[in-house]
């Protein structure tokens, strides 16, 4: 860092870096740091960058020192003001804070993910030197090498961050569903929907314009947005599919014309029942044949013939013999 980058800034002009994964805990160690700053001052200057709107500075490294200075009643701090873009600021932020102790796993996961994404974005830029360009495939390796950990460790923490975000979204959706169900309980036992109930449960209904299909049928899309949970599905009025499914067919066995119950039906009800019965009988025949073979093998071992008292067939489970 150059000498001209050093300045003494007022604490009122300092702002936290957006999406900073590291939180300043108001604990005993912060109070001890405030006492130390009050007695000896800030030994290591903080790192900042100018805000994009020009009003103040964003703290990249040293947010705890700024907070401790405020607790100590000191309104100025020594700082380095660096002309960093957002990606370089993120990398500097993570590098300067991950060396601290007592970092929460969620903070570490957020930090790894932020740095990995920043380094990936750098890989697509053309205004950086070759030493700064990082390919997407080696980003996690570079992050791991920088902190002396394995690549799998970095990937696990990044995955932890993604799971945390997913759980947070799921919680918000679950809470919305709970509120909606709580609203529904007020209308139990209703026989039909009236305007009052619709207004209470539904936020809005969007109806699209009618769309004329190639076969002359008409399709219209309806979107219903429920309170607390929003849009949960679509209603498609598609009579074409239903009409095709109910079109009369000829049975592939007897040739009789019939109305199928589904689009994949091939047989009339009578032939379908007959075919099903034949398949069932064939399955039973194969089962009896397997039992017979098993009994013959068992009889050969015991030198006797095992016969079922209940049915006129060989059965390996029978306990009595017959001639």
C-alpha atoms as a PDB file:
ATOM      1  CA  UNK A   1       0.000   0.000   0.000  1.00  0.00           C
ATOM      2  CA  UNK A   2       1.230   3.461  -0.859  1.00  0.00           C
ATOM      3  CA  UNK A   3       1.673   6.336   1.532  1.00  0.00           C
ATOM      4  CA  UNK A   4      -0.854   8.457  -0.334  1.00  0.00           C
ATOM      5  CA  UNK A   5      -3.501   5.791   0.343  1.00  0.00           C
ATOM      6  CA  UNK A   6      -3.340   6.483   4.094  1.00  0.00           C
ATOM      7  CA  UNK A   7      -5.948   8.806   5.634  1.00  0.00           C
ATOM      8  CA  UNK A   8      -7.608   9.544   8.953  1.00  0.00           C
ATOM      9  CA  UNK A   9     -11.360   9.118   8.531  1.00  0.00           C
ATOM     10  CA  UNK A  10     -14.302  10.032  10.707  1.00  0.00           C
ATOM     11  CA  UNK A  11     -16.368   7.107  11.970  1.00  0.00           C
ATOM     12  CA  UNK A  12     -19.578   8.808  10.818  1.00  0.00           C
ATOM     13  CA  UNK A  13     -18.327   8.556   7.223  1.00  0.00           C
ATOM     14  CA  UNK A  14     -17.717   4.809   7.440  1.00  0.00           C
ATOM     15  CA  UNK A  15     -20.280   2.214   6.304  1.00  0.00           C
ATOM     16  CA  UNK A  16     -20.256  -1.608   6.442  1.00  0.00           C
ATOM     17  CA  UNK A  17     -19.420  -3.405   3.213  1.00  0.00           C
ATOM     18  CA  UNK A  18     -22.627  -4.680   1.534  1.00  0.00           C
ATOM     19  CA  UNK A  19     -23.319  -8.395   2.172  1.00  0.00           C
ATOM     20  CA  UNK A  20     -20.450  -8.616   4.654  1.00  0.00           C
ATOM     21  CA  UNK A  21     -20.546 -12.235   5.901  1.00  0.00           C
ATOM     22  CA  UNK A  22     -18.761 -11.413   9.154  1.00  0.00           C
ATOM     23  CA  UNK A  23     -20.873 -10.006  11.966  1.00  0.00           C
ATOM     24  CA  UNK A  24     -19.552  -7.848  14.795  1.00  0.00           C
ATOM     25  CA  UNK A  25     -20.524  -9.545  18.051  1.00  0.00           C
ATOM     26  CA  UNK A  26     -21.235  -7.250  20.980  1.00  0.00           C
ATOM     27  CA  UNK A  27     -19.376  -9.446  23.467  1.00  0.00           C
ATOM     28  CA  UNK A  28     -16.675  -9.171  26.114  1.00  0.00           C
ATOM     29  CA  UNK A  29     -13.830  -9.303  23.577  1.00  0.00           C
ATOM     30  CA  UNK A  30     -15.228  -6.221  21.839  1.00  0.00           C
ATOM     31  CA  UNK A  31     -15.283  -4.373  25.160  1.00  0.00           C
ATOM     32  CA  UNK A  32     -11.670  -5.390  25.779  1.00  0.00           C
ATOM     33  CA  UNK A  33     -10.732  -4.150  22.306  1.00  0.00           C
ATOM     34  CA  UNK A  34     -12.452  -0.831  23.038  1.00  0.00           C
ATOM     35  CA  UNK A  35     -10.419  -0.440  26.255  1.00  0.00           C
ATOM     36  CA  UNK A  36      -7.207  -1.231  24.370  1.00  0.00           C
ATOM     37  CA  UNK A  37      -7.993   1.318  21.634  1.00  0.00           C
ATOM     38  CA  UNK A  38      -8.878   3.904  24.250  1.00  0.00           C
ATOM     39  CA  UNK A  39      -5.462   3.451  25.861  1.00  0.00           C
ATOM     40  CA  UNK A  40      -3.153   2.751  22.896  1.00  0.00           C
ATOM     41  CA  UNK A  41      -5.173   3.729  19.821  1.00  0.00           C
ATOM     42  CA  UNK A  42      -5.583   1.673  16.644  1.00  0.00           C
ATOM     43  CA  UNK A  43      -2.235   0.084  15.787  1.00  0.00           C
ATOM     44  CA  UNK A  44      -3.241  -1.419  12.419  1.00  0.00           C
ATOM     45  CA  UNK A  45      -5.179   0.886  10.060  1.00  0.00           C
ATOM     46  CA  UNK A  46      -8.438  -0.368   8.628  1.00  0.00           C
ATOM     47  CA  UNK A  47      -8.939  -0.929   4.885  1.00  0.00           C
ATOM     48  CA  UNK A  48     -11.683   0.952   3.050  1.00  0.00           C
ATOM     49  CA  UNK A  49     -12.787   1.899  -0.428  1.00  0.00           C
ATOM     50  CA  UNK A  50     -14.778   4.937  -1.595  1.00  0.00           C
ATOM     51  CA  UNK A  51     -18.521   4.408  -1.965  1.00  0.00           C
ATOM     52  CA  UNK A  52     -19.832   4.451  -5.511  1.00  0.00           C
ATOM     53  CA  UNK A  53     -22.021   7.470  -4.785  1.00  0.00           C
ATOM     54  CA  UNK A  54     -19.037   9.343  -3.334  1.00  0.00           C
ATOM     55  CA  UNK A  55     -20.644   9.807   0.091  1.00  0.00           C
ATOM     56  CA  UNK A  56     -18.340   8.086   2.562  1.00  0.00           C
ATOM     57  CA  UNK A  57     -16.316   4.891   2.591  1.00  0.00           C
ATOM     58  CA  UNK A  58     -17.071   1.167   2.821  1.00  0.00           C
ATOM     59  CA  UNK A  59     -15.110  -0.768   5.450  1.00  0.00           C
ATOM     60  CA  UNK A  60     -13.473  -3.809   3.877  1.00  0.00           C
ATOM     61  CA  UNK A  61     -11.313  -4.856   6.830  1.00  0.00           C
ATOM     62  CA  UNK A  62     -11.575  -3.532  10.386  1.00  0.00           C
ATOM     63  CA  UNK A  63     -15.297  -3.292  11.136  1.00  0.00           C
ATOM     64  CA  UNK A  64     -14.688  -4.498  14.717  1.00  0.00           C
ATOM     65  CA  UNK A  65     -12.055  -1.808  15.230  1.00  0.00           C
ATOM     66  CA  UNK A  66     -14.492   0.828  14.013  1.00  0.00           C
ATOM     67  CA  UNK A  67     -17.194  -0.397  16.376  1.00  0.00           C
ATOM     68  CA  UNK A  68     -14.731  -0.603  19.286  1.00  0.00           C
ATOM     69  CA  UNK A  69     -13.583   2.971  18.559  1.00  0.00           C
ATOM     70  CA  UNK A  70     -17.189   4.157  18.781  1.00  0.00           C
ATOM     71  CA  UNK A  71     -17.571   2.390  22.134  1.00  0.00           C
ATOM     72  CA  UNK A  72     -14.356   4.037  23.318  1.00  0.00           C
ATOM     73  CA  UNK A  73     -15.667   7.469  22.323  1.00  0.00           C
ATOM     74  CA  UNK A  74     -13.130   7.941  19.525  1.00  0.00           C
ATOM     75  CA  UNK A  75     -14.603   9.428  16.338  1.00  0.00           C
ATOM     76  CA  UNK A  76     -11.616   9.064  13.983  1.00  0.00           C
ATOM     77  CA  UNK A  77      -9.712   6.001  12.761  1.00  0.00           C
ATOM     78  CA  UNK A  78      -6.575   5.540  10.614  1.00  0.00           C
ATOM     79  CA  UNK A  79      -7.415   3.916   7.298  1.00  0.00           C
ATOM     80  CA  UNK A  80      -6.088   2.908   3.916  1.00  0.00           C
ATOM     81  CA  UNK A  81      -8.398   4.061   1.122  1.00  0.00           C
ATOM     82  CA  UNK A  82      -7.929   1.760  -1.877  1.00  0.00           C
ATOM     83  CA  UNK A  83      -9.526   2.082  -5.348  1.00  0.00           C
ATOM     84  CA  UNK A  84     -10.892  -1.465  -5.414  1.00  0.00           C
ATOM     85  CA  UNK A  85     -13.744  -2.748  -7.549  1.00  0.00           C
ATOM     86  CA  UNK A  86     -16.352  -4.961  -5.898  1.00  0.00           C
ATOM     87  CA  UNK A  87     -14.697  -8.297  -6.761  1.00  0.00           C
ATOM     88  CA  UNK A  88     -11.265  -7.228  -5.498  1.00  0.00           C
ATOM     89  CA  UNK A  89     -12.911  -5.768  -2.403  1.00  0.00           C
ATOM     90  CA  UNK A  90     -14.662  -9.091  -1.693  1.00  0.00           C
ATOM     91  CA  UNK A  91     -11.406 -11.040  -2.037  1.00  0.00           C
ATOM     92  CA  UNK A  92      -9.594  -8.602   0.268  1.00  0.00           C
ATOM     93  CA  UNK A  93     -12.475  -8.722   2.755  1.00  0.00           C
ATOM     94  CA  UNK A  94     -12.453 -12.510   2.946  1.00  0.00           C
ATOM     95  CA  UNK A  95      -8.649 -12.815   3.063  1.00  0.00           C
ATOM     96  CA  UNK A  96      -8.337 -10.326   5.917  1.00  0.00           C
ATOM     97  CA  UNK A  97     -11.128 -11.789   8.061  1.00  0.00           C
ATOM     98  CA  UNK A  98     -10.860 -15.569   7.688  1.00  0.00           C
ATOM     99  CA  UNK A  99      -7.649 -15.580   9.740  1.00  0.00           C
ATOM    100  CA  UNK A 100      -9.656 -14.587  12.813  1.00  0.00           C
ATOM    101  CA  UNK A 101     -10.651 -17.054  15.487  1.00  0.00           C
ATOM    102  CA  UNK A 102     -14.213 -17.864  16.558  1.00  0.00           C
ATOM    103  CA  UNK A 103     -15.687 -17.601  13.067  1.00  0.00           C
ATOM    104  CA  UNK A 104     -19.080 -19.270  12.720  1.00  0.00           C
ATOM    105  CA  UNK A 105     -19.413 -22.056  10.109  1.00  0.00           C
ATOM    106  CA  UNK A 106     -22.170 -20.062   8.390  1.00  0.00           C
ATOM    107  CA  UNK A 107     -19.856 -17.024   8.154  1.00  0.00           C
ATOM    108  CA  UNK A 108     -17.022 -19.155   6.788  1.00  0.00           C
ATOM    109  CA  UNK A 109     -19.375 -20.765   4.251  1.00  0.00           C
ATOM    110  CA  UNK A 110     -20.669 -17.370   3.099  1.00  0.00           C
ATOM    111  CA  UNK A 111     -17.096 -16.048   2.829  1.00  0.00           C
ATOM    112  CA  UNK A 112     -15.839 -19.001   0.768  1.00  0.00           C
ATOM    113  CA  UNK A 113     -18.818 -18.700  -1.566  1.00  0.00           C
ATOM    114  CA  UNK A 114     -18.370 -14.939  -2.006  1.00  0.00           C
ATOM    115  CA  UNK A 115     -14.674 -15.269  -2.805  1.00  0.00           C
ATOM    116  CA  UNK A 116     -15.223 -18.202  -5.155  1.00  0.00           C
ATOM    117  CA  UNK A 117     -17.855 -16.281  -7.123  1.00  0.00           C
ATOM    118  CA  UNK A 118     -15.674 -13.153  -7.223  1.00  0.00           C
ATOM    119  CA  UNK A 119     -12.716 -15.123  -8.563  1.00  0.00           C
ATOM    120  CA  UNK A 120     -14.919 -16.805 -11.179  1.00  0.00           C
ATOM    121  CA  UNK A 121     -16.092 -13.415 -12.382  1.00  0.00           C
ATOM    122  CA  UNK A 122     -12.478 -12.300 -12.656  1.00  0.00           C
ATOM    123  CA  UNK A 123     -11.805 -15.206 -14.977  1.00  0.00           C
ATOM    124  CA  UNK A 124     -14.006 -13.615 -17.628  1.00  0.00           C
ATOM    125  CA  UNK A 125     -12.439 -10.150 -17.485  1.00  0.00           C
ATOM    126  CA  UNK A 126      -9.879  -8.889 -19.994  1.00  0.00           C
ATOM    127  CA  UNK A 127      -8.434  -5.926 -18.082  1.00  0.00           C
ATOM    128  CA  UNK A 128      -6.538  -8.030 -15.528  1.00  0.00           C
ATOM    129  CA  UNK A 129      -2.995  -9.344 -15.661  1.00  0.00           C
ATOM    130  CA  UNK A 130      -2.331 -13.020 -16.273  1.00  0.00           C
ATOM    131  CA  UNK A 131      -1.498 -13.569 -12.594  1.00  0.00           C
ATOM    132  CA  UNK A 132      -4.941 -12.300 -11.590  1.00  0.00           C
ATOM    133  CA  UNK A 133      -6.983 -14.349 -14.046  1.00  0.00           C
ATOM    134  CA  UNK A 134      -8.427 -17.510 -12.512  1.00  0.00           C
ATOM    135  CA  UNK A 135     -10.274 -20.116 -14.547  1.00  0.00           C
ATOM    136  CA  UNK A 136     -13.580 -21.449 -13.285  1.00  0.00           C
ATOM    137  CA  UNK A 137     -12.301 -25.020 -13.012  1.00  0.00           C
ATOM    138  CA  UNK A 138      -9.481 -24.057 -10.622  1.00  0.00           C
ATOM    139  CA  UNK A 139     -11.275 -21.440  -8.550  1.00  0.00           C
ATOM    140  CA  UNK A 140     -11.934 -23.710  -5.564  1.00  0.00           C
ATOM    141  CA  UNK A 141      -8.301 -24.896  -5.647  1.00  0.00           C
ATOM    142  CA  UNK A 142      -7.084 -21.290  -5.545  1.00  0.00           C
ATOM    143  CA  UNK A 143      -9.383 -20.467  -2.631  1.00  0.00           C
ATOM    144  CA  UNK A 144      -8.241 -23.578  -0.765  1.00  0.00           C
ATOM    145  CA  UNK A 145      -4.554 -22.818  -1.310  1.00  0.00           C
ATOM    146  CA  UNK A 146      -5.034 -19.281  -0.050  1.00  0.00           C
ATOM    147  CA  UNK A 147      -6.316 -20.497   3.322  1.00  0.00           C
ATOM    148  CA  UNK A 148      -4.315 -23.700   3.669  1.00  0.00           C
ATOM    149  CA  UNK A 149      -7.313 -26.027   3.477  1.00  0.00           C
ATOM    150  CA  UNK A 150      -8.388 -28.728   1.061  1.00  0.00           C
ATOM    151  CA  UNK A 151     -10.513 -28.122  -2.008  1.00  0.00           C
ATOM    152  CA  UNK A 152     -13.211 -30.449  -0.654  1.00  0.00           C
ATOM    153  CA  UNK A 153     -13.379 -28.347   2.519  1.00  0.00           C
ATOM    154  CA  UNK A 154     -14.057 -25.226   0.474  1.00  0.00           C
ATOM    155  CA  UNK A 155     -16.707 -27.027  -1.576  1.00  0.00           C
ATOM    156  CA  UNK A 156     -18.418 -28.329   1.580  1.00  0.00           C
ATOM    157  CA  UNK A 157     -18.637 -24.836   3.046  1.00  0.00           C
ATOM    158  CA  UNK A 158     -19.955 -23.454  -0.253  1.00  0.00           C
ATOM    159  CA  UNK A 159     -22.545 -26.233  -0.310  1.00  0.00           C
ATOM    160  CA  UNK A 160     -23.435 -25.377   3.293  1.00  0.00           C
ATOM    161  CA  UNK A 161     -24.167 -21.822   2.212  1.00  0.00           C
ATOM    162  CA  UNK A 162     -26.391 -23.009  -0.645  1.00  0.00           C
ATOM    163  CA  UNK A 163     -28.296 -25.356   1.686  1.00  0.00           C
ATOM    164  CA  UNK A 164     -28.710 -22.542   4.215  1.00  0.00           C
ATOM    165  CA  UNK A 165     -30.204 -20.285   1.545  1.00  0.00           C
ATOM    166  CA  UNK A 166     -32.539 -23.090   0.421  1.00  0.00           C
ATOM    167  CA  UNK A 167     -33.703 -23.758   3.979  1.00  0.00           C
ATOM    168  CA  UNK A 168     -34.302 -20.053   4.491  1.00  0.00           C
ATOM    169  CA  UNK A 169     -36.469 -19.903   1.364  1.00  0.00           C
ATOM    170  CA  UNK A 170     -38.291 -23.087   2.429  1.00  0.00           C
ATOM    171  CA  UNK A 171     -38.989 -21.611   5.856  1.00  0.00           C
ATOM    172  CA  UNK A 172     -40.522 -18.500   4.306  1.00  0.00           C
ATOM    173  CA  UNK A 173     -42.691 -20.621   2.014  1.00  0.00           C
ATOM    174  CA  UNK A 174     -43.686 -22.915   4.903  1.00  0.00           C
ATOM    175  CA  UNK A 175     -44.660 -19.943   7.020  1.00  0.00           C
ATOM    176  CA  UNK A 176     -46.811 -18.672   4.160  1.00  0.00           C
ATOM    177  CA  UNK A 177     -48.544 -22.055   3.876  1.00  0.00           C
ATOM    178  CA  UNK A 178     -49.218 -22.071   7.619  1.00  0.00           C
ATOM    179  CA  UNK A 179     -50.784 -18.631   7.437  1.00  0.00           C
ATOM    180  CA  UNK A 180     -52.929 -19.733   4.490  1.00  0.00           C
ATOM    181  CA  UNK A 181     -54.101 -22.892   6.292  1.00  0.00           C
ATOM    182  CA  UNK A 182     -54.886 -20.824   9.366  1.00  0.00           C
ATOM    183  CA  UNK A 183     -57.032 -18.623   7.146  1.00  0.00           C
ATOM    184  CA  UNK A 184     -58.825 -21.632   5.639  1.00  0.00           C
ATOM    185  CA  UNK A 185     -59.800 -22.949   9.095  1.00  0.00           C
ATOM    186  CA  UNK A 186     -62.146 -20.001   9.431  1.00  0.00           C
ATOM    187  CA  UNK A 187     -64.290 -21.394   6.606  1.00  0.00           C
ATOM    188  CA  UNK A 188     -64.758 -25.060   7.540  1.00  0.00           C
ATOM    189  CA  UNK A 189     -67.996 -26.778   6.615  1.00  0.00           C
ATOM    190  CA  UNK A 190     -68.817 -24.531   3.666  1.00  0.00           C
ATOM    191  CA  UNK A 191     -70.890 -25.984   0.846  1.00  0.00           C
ATOM    192  CA  UNK A 192     -69.997 -23.539  -1.901  1.00  0.00           C
ATOM    193  CA  UNK A 193     -67.690 -20.620  -2.533  1.00  0.00           C
ATOM    194  CA  UNK A 194     -69.214 -17.194  -2.386  1.00  0.00           C
ATOM    195  CA  UNK A 195     -67.730 -13.762  -3.043  1.00  0.00           C
ATOM    196  CA  UNK A 196     -66.803 -13.250   0.621  1.00  0.00           C
ATOM    197  CA  UNK A 197     -64.766 -16.453   0.841  1.00  0.00           C
ATOM    198  CA  UNK A 198     -63.073 -15.874  -2.497  1.00  0.00           C
ATOM    199  CA  UNK A 199     -62.034 -12.377  -1.472  1.00  0.00           C
ATOM    200  CA  UNK A 200     -60.696 -13.742   1.831  1.00  0.00           C
ATOM    201  CA  UNK A 201     -58.598 -16.570   0.331  1.00  0.00           C
ATOM    202  CA  UNK A 202     -57.562 -15.291  -3.090  1.00  0.00           C
ATOM    203  CA  UNK A 203     -55.332 -12.314  -3.676  1.00  0.00           C
ATOM    204  CA  UNK A 204     -55.913 -11.988  -7.414  1.00  0.00           C
ATOM    205  CA  UNK A 205     -56.912 -13.952 -10.519  1.00  0.00           C
ATOM    206  CA  UNK A 206     -55.268 -13.365 -13.883  1.00  0.00           C
ATOM    207  CA  UNK A 207     -57.074 -14.631 -16.993  1.00  0.00           C
ATOM    208  CA  UNK A 208     -55.175 -14.677 -20.272  1.00  0.00           C
ATOM    209  CA  UNK A 209     -56.675 -14.039 -23.672  1.00  0.00           C
ATOM    210  CA  UNK A 210     -58.173 -16.971 -25.504  1.00  0.00           C
ATOM    211  CA  UNK A 211     -55.766 -18.822 -27.752  1.00  0.00           C
ATOM    212  CA  UNK A 212     -57.105 -20.572 -30.832  1.00  0.00           C
ATOM    213  CA  UNK A 213     -55.406 -23.917 -31.440  1.00  0.00           C
ATOM    214  CA  UNK A 214     -54.632 -25.426 -34.831  1.00  0.00           C
ATOM    215  CA  UNK A 215     -57.484 -27.960 -34.583  1.00  0.00           C
ATOM    216  CA  UNK A 216     -60.038 -25.235 -33.969  1.00  0.00           C
ATOM    217  CA  UNK A 217     -60.249 -25.705 -30.191  1.00  0.00           C
ATOM    218  CA  UNK A 218     -59.791 -22.796 -27.773  1.00  0.00           C
ATOM    219  CA  UNK A 219     -57.376 -22.669 -24.839  1.00  0.00           C
ATOM    220  CA  UNK A 220     -57.412 -20.151 -21.987  1.00  0.00           C
ATOM    221  CA  UNK A 221     -54.911 -19.859 -19.126  1.00  0.00           C
ATOM    222  CA  UNK A 222     -55.958 -18.899 -15.606  1.00  0.00           C
ATOM    223  CA  UNK A 223     -53.525 -18.028 -12.811  1.00  0.00           C
ATOM    224  CA  UNK A 224     -54.796 -17.847  -9.234  1.00  0.00           C
ATOM    225  CA  UNK A 225     -52.676 -16.043  -6.633  1.00  0.00           C
ATOM    226  CA  UNK A 226     -53.618 -17.075  -3.086  1.00  0.00           C
ATOM    227  CA  UNK A 227     -52.954 -14.962  -0.049  1.00  0.00           C
ATOM    228  CA  UNK A 228     -49.684 -15.669   1.821  1.00  0.00           C
ATOM    229  CA  UNK A 229     -48.533 -18.320  -0.690  1.00  0.00           C
ATOM    230  CA  UNK A 230     -48.973 -16.596  -4.040  1.00  0.00           C
ATOM    231  CA  UNK A 231     -49.235 -18.463  -7.337  1.00  0.00           C
ATOM    232  CA  UNK A 232     -49.176 -22.248  -6.821  1.00  0.00           C
ATOM    233  CA  UNK A 233     -50.334 -23.692 -10.122  1.00  0.00           C
ATOM    234  CA  UNK A 234     -51.957 -23.155 -13.463  1.00  0.00           C
ATOM    235  CA  UNK A 235     -55.366 -24.101 -14.801  1.00  0.00           C
ATOM    236  CA  UNK A 236     -55.312 -24.998 -18.476  1.00  0.00           C
ATOM    237  CA  UNK A 237     -58.662 -25.379 -20.163  1.00  0.00           C
ATOM    238  CA  UNK A 238     -57.605 -27.924 -22.775  1.00  0.00           C
ATOM    239  CA  UNK A 239     -60.682 -29.741 -24.061  1.00  0.00           C
ATOM    240  CA  UNK A 240     -58.671 -31.053 -27.012  1.00  0.00           C
ATOM    241  CA  UNK A 241     -56.850 -33.689 -24.927  1.00  0.00           C
ATOM    242  CA  UNK A 242     -60.065 -34.850 -23.267  1.00  0.00           C
ATOM    243  CA  UNK A 243     -61.862 -35.022 -26.595  1.00  0.00           C
ATOM    244  CA  UNK A 244     -59.081 -37.139 -28.083  1.00  0.00           C
ATOM    245  CA  UNK A 245     -59.120 -39.544 -25.123  1.00  0.00           C
ATOM    246  CA  UNK A 246     -62.883 -40.129 -25.435  1.00  0.00           C
ATOM    247  CA  UNK A 247     -62.861 -40.663 -29.182  1.00  0.00           C
ATOM    248  CA  UNK A 248     -64.331 -44.111 -30.086  1.00  0.00           C
ATOM    249  CA  UNK A 249     -61.843 -46.847 -30.983  1.00  0.00           C
ATOM    250  CA  UNK A 250     -61.973 -50.349 -32.440  1.00  0.00           C
ATOM    251  CA  UNK A 251     -60.851 -53.230 -30.221  1.00  0.00           C
ATOM    252  CA  UNK A 252     -57.613 -54.772 -31.510  1.00  0.00           C
ATOM    253  CA  UNK A 253     -58.905 -58.284 -30.636  1.00  0.00           C
ATOM    254  CA  UNK A 254     -62.550 -58.495 -31.680  1.00  0.00           C
ATOM    255  CA  UNK A 255     -62.850 -55.289 -33.715  1.00  0.00           C
ATOM    256  CA  UNK A 256     -65.848 -53.981 -31.771  1.00  0.00           C
ATOM    257  CA  UNK A 257     -66.114 -50.186 -31.544  1.00  0.00           C
ATOM    258  CA  UNK A 258     -65.965 -48.871 -27.969  1.00  0.00           C
ATOM    259  CA  UNK A 259     -65.264 -45.689 -25.967  1.00  0.00           C
ATOM    260  CA  UNK A 260     -61.929 -46.068 -24.103  1.00  0.00           C
ATOM    261  CA  UNK A 261     -61.357 -44.899 -20.548  1.00  0.00           C
ATOM    262  CA  UNK A 262     -57.816 -43.762 -21.347  1.00  0.00           C
ATOM    263  CA  UNK A 263     -55.788 -42.798 -24.377  1.00  0.00           C
ATOM    264  CA  UNK A 264     -53.650 -45.974 -24.232  1.00  0.00           C
ATOM    265  CA  UNK A 265     -56.516 -48.473 -24.145  1.00  0.00           C
ATOM    266  CA  UNK A 266     -56.411 -51.171 -26.880  1.00  0.00           C
ATOM    267  CA  UNK A 267     -59.176 -53.583 -25.903  1.00  0.00           C
ATOM    268  CA  UNK A 268     -62.901 -53.335 -25.357  1.00  0.00           C
ATOM    269  CA  UNK A 269     -64.094 -54.035 -21.764  1.00  0.00           C
ATOM    270  CA  UNK A 270     -65.061 -57.650 -22.546  1.00  0.00           C
ATOM    271  CA  UNK A 271     -61.739 -58.513 -24.211  1.00  0.00           C
ATOM    272  CA  UNK A 272     -59.770 -56.641 -21.548  1.00  0.00           C
ATOM    273  CA  UNK A 273     -61.491 -58.696 -18.830  1.00  0.00           C
ATOM    274  CA  UNK A 274     -60.829 -61.927 -20.715  1.00  0.00           C
ATOM    275  CA  UNK A 275     -57.153 -61.097 -21.261  1.00  0.00           C
ATOM    276  CA  UNK A 276     -56.738 -60.169 -17.610  1.00  0.00           C
ATOM    277  CA  UNK A 277     -58.325 -63.477 -16.549  1.00  0.00           C
ATOM    278  CA  UNK A 278     -56.015 -65.434 -18.863  1.00  0.00           C
ATOM    279  CA  UNK A 279     -52.966 -63.639 -17.459  1.00  0.00           C
ATOM    280  CA  UNK A 280     -54.126 -64.416 -13.920  1.00  0.00           C
ATOM    281  CA  UNK A 281     -54.660 -68.106 -14.734  1.00  0.00           C
ATOM    282  CA  UNK A 282     -51.249 -68.308 -16.388  1.00  0.00           C
ATOM    283  CA  UNK A 283     -49.643 -66.761 -13.318  1.00  0.00           C
ATOM    284  CA  UNK A 284     -51.376 -69.297 -11.057  1.00  0.00           C
ATOM    285  CA  UNK A 285     -50.310 -72.175 -13.329  1.00  0.00           C
ATOM    286  CA  UNK A 286     -46.674 -71.103 -13.162  1.00  0.00           C
ATOM    287  CA  UNK A 287     -46.899 -70.814  -9.381  1.00  0.00           C
ATOM    288  CA  UNK A 288     -48.334 -74.350  -9.080  1.00  0.00           C
ATOM    289  CA  UNK A 289     -45.610 -75.674 -11.360  1.00  0.00           C
ATOM    290  CA  UNK A 290     -42.905 -74.120  -9.199  1.00  0.00           C
ATOM    291  CA  UNK A 291     -44.476 -75.660  -6.072  1.00  0.00           C
ATOM    292  CA  UNK A 292     -44.692 -79.053  -7.764  1.00  0.00           C
ATOM    293  CA  UNK A 293     -41.038 -79.001  -8.737  1.00  0.00           C
ATOM    294  CA  UNK A 294     -40.077 -77.982  -5.216  1.00  0.00           C
ATOM    295  CA  UNK A 295     -42.080 -80.863  -3.727  1.00  0.00           C
ATOM    296  CA  UNK A 296     -40.564 -83.373  -6.125  1.00  0.00           C
ATOM    297  CA  UNK A 297     -37.069 -82.287  -5.117  1.00  0.00           C
ATOM    298  CA  UNK A 298     -38.021 -82.452  -1.429  1.00  0.00           C
ATOM    299  CA  UNK A 299     -39.582 -85.914  -1.887  1.00  0.00           C
ATOM    300  CA  UNK A 300     -36.418 -87.190  -3.517  1.00  0.00           C
ATOM    301  CA  UNK A 301     -34.394 -86.094  -0.513  1.00  0.00           C
ATOM    302  CA  UNK A 302     -36.786 -87.611   2.083  1.00  0.00           C
ATOM    303  CA  UNK A 303     -37.615 -90.695  -0.004  1.00  0.00           C
ATOM    304  CA  UNK A 304     -41.338 -90.002   0.286  1.00  0.00           C
ATOM    305  CA  UNK A 305     -44.010 -88.017  -1.516  1.00  0.00           C
ATOM    306  CA  UNK A 306     -45.390 -84.953   0.257  1.00  0.00           C
ATOM    307  CA  UNK A 307     -49.012 -84.215  -0.593  1.00  0.00           C
ATOM    308  CA  UNK A 308     -51.320 -81.384   0.433  1.00  0.00           C
ATOM    309  CA  UNK A 309     -54.479 -82.231   2.379  1.00  0.00           C
ATOM    310  CA  UNK A 310     -56.144 -78.983   1.352  1.00  0.00           C
ATOM    311  CA  UNK A 311     -55.581 -79.010  -2.426  1.00  0.00           C
ATOM    312  CA  UNK A 312     -54.934 -81.731  -4.951  1.00  0.00           C
ATOM    313  CA  UNK A 313     -51.424 -80.532  -5.738  1.00  0.00           C
ATOM    314  CA  UNK A 314     -47.896 -80.874  -4.491  1.00  0.00           C
ATOM    315  CA  UNK A 315     -47.041 -78.463  -1.693  1.00  0.00           C
ATOM    316  CA  UNK A 316     -43.701 -78.048   0.052  1.00  0.00           C
ATOM    317  CA  UNK A 317     -45.420 -76.762   3.193  1.00  0.00           C
ATOM    318  CA  UNK A 318     -47.581 -79.903   3.742  1.00  0.00           C
ATOM    319  CA  UNK A 319     -46.812 -81.916   6.858  1.00  0.00           C
ATOM    320  CA  UNK A 320     -48.685 -85.147   6.041  1.00  0.00           C
ATOM    321  CA  UNK A 321     -48.114 -87.771   3.358  1.00  0.00           C
ATOM    322  CA  UNK A 322     -50.497 -89.641   1.086  1.00  0.00           C
ATOM    323  CA  UNK A 323     -50.375 -92.409  -1.449  1.00  0.00           C
END
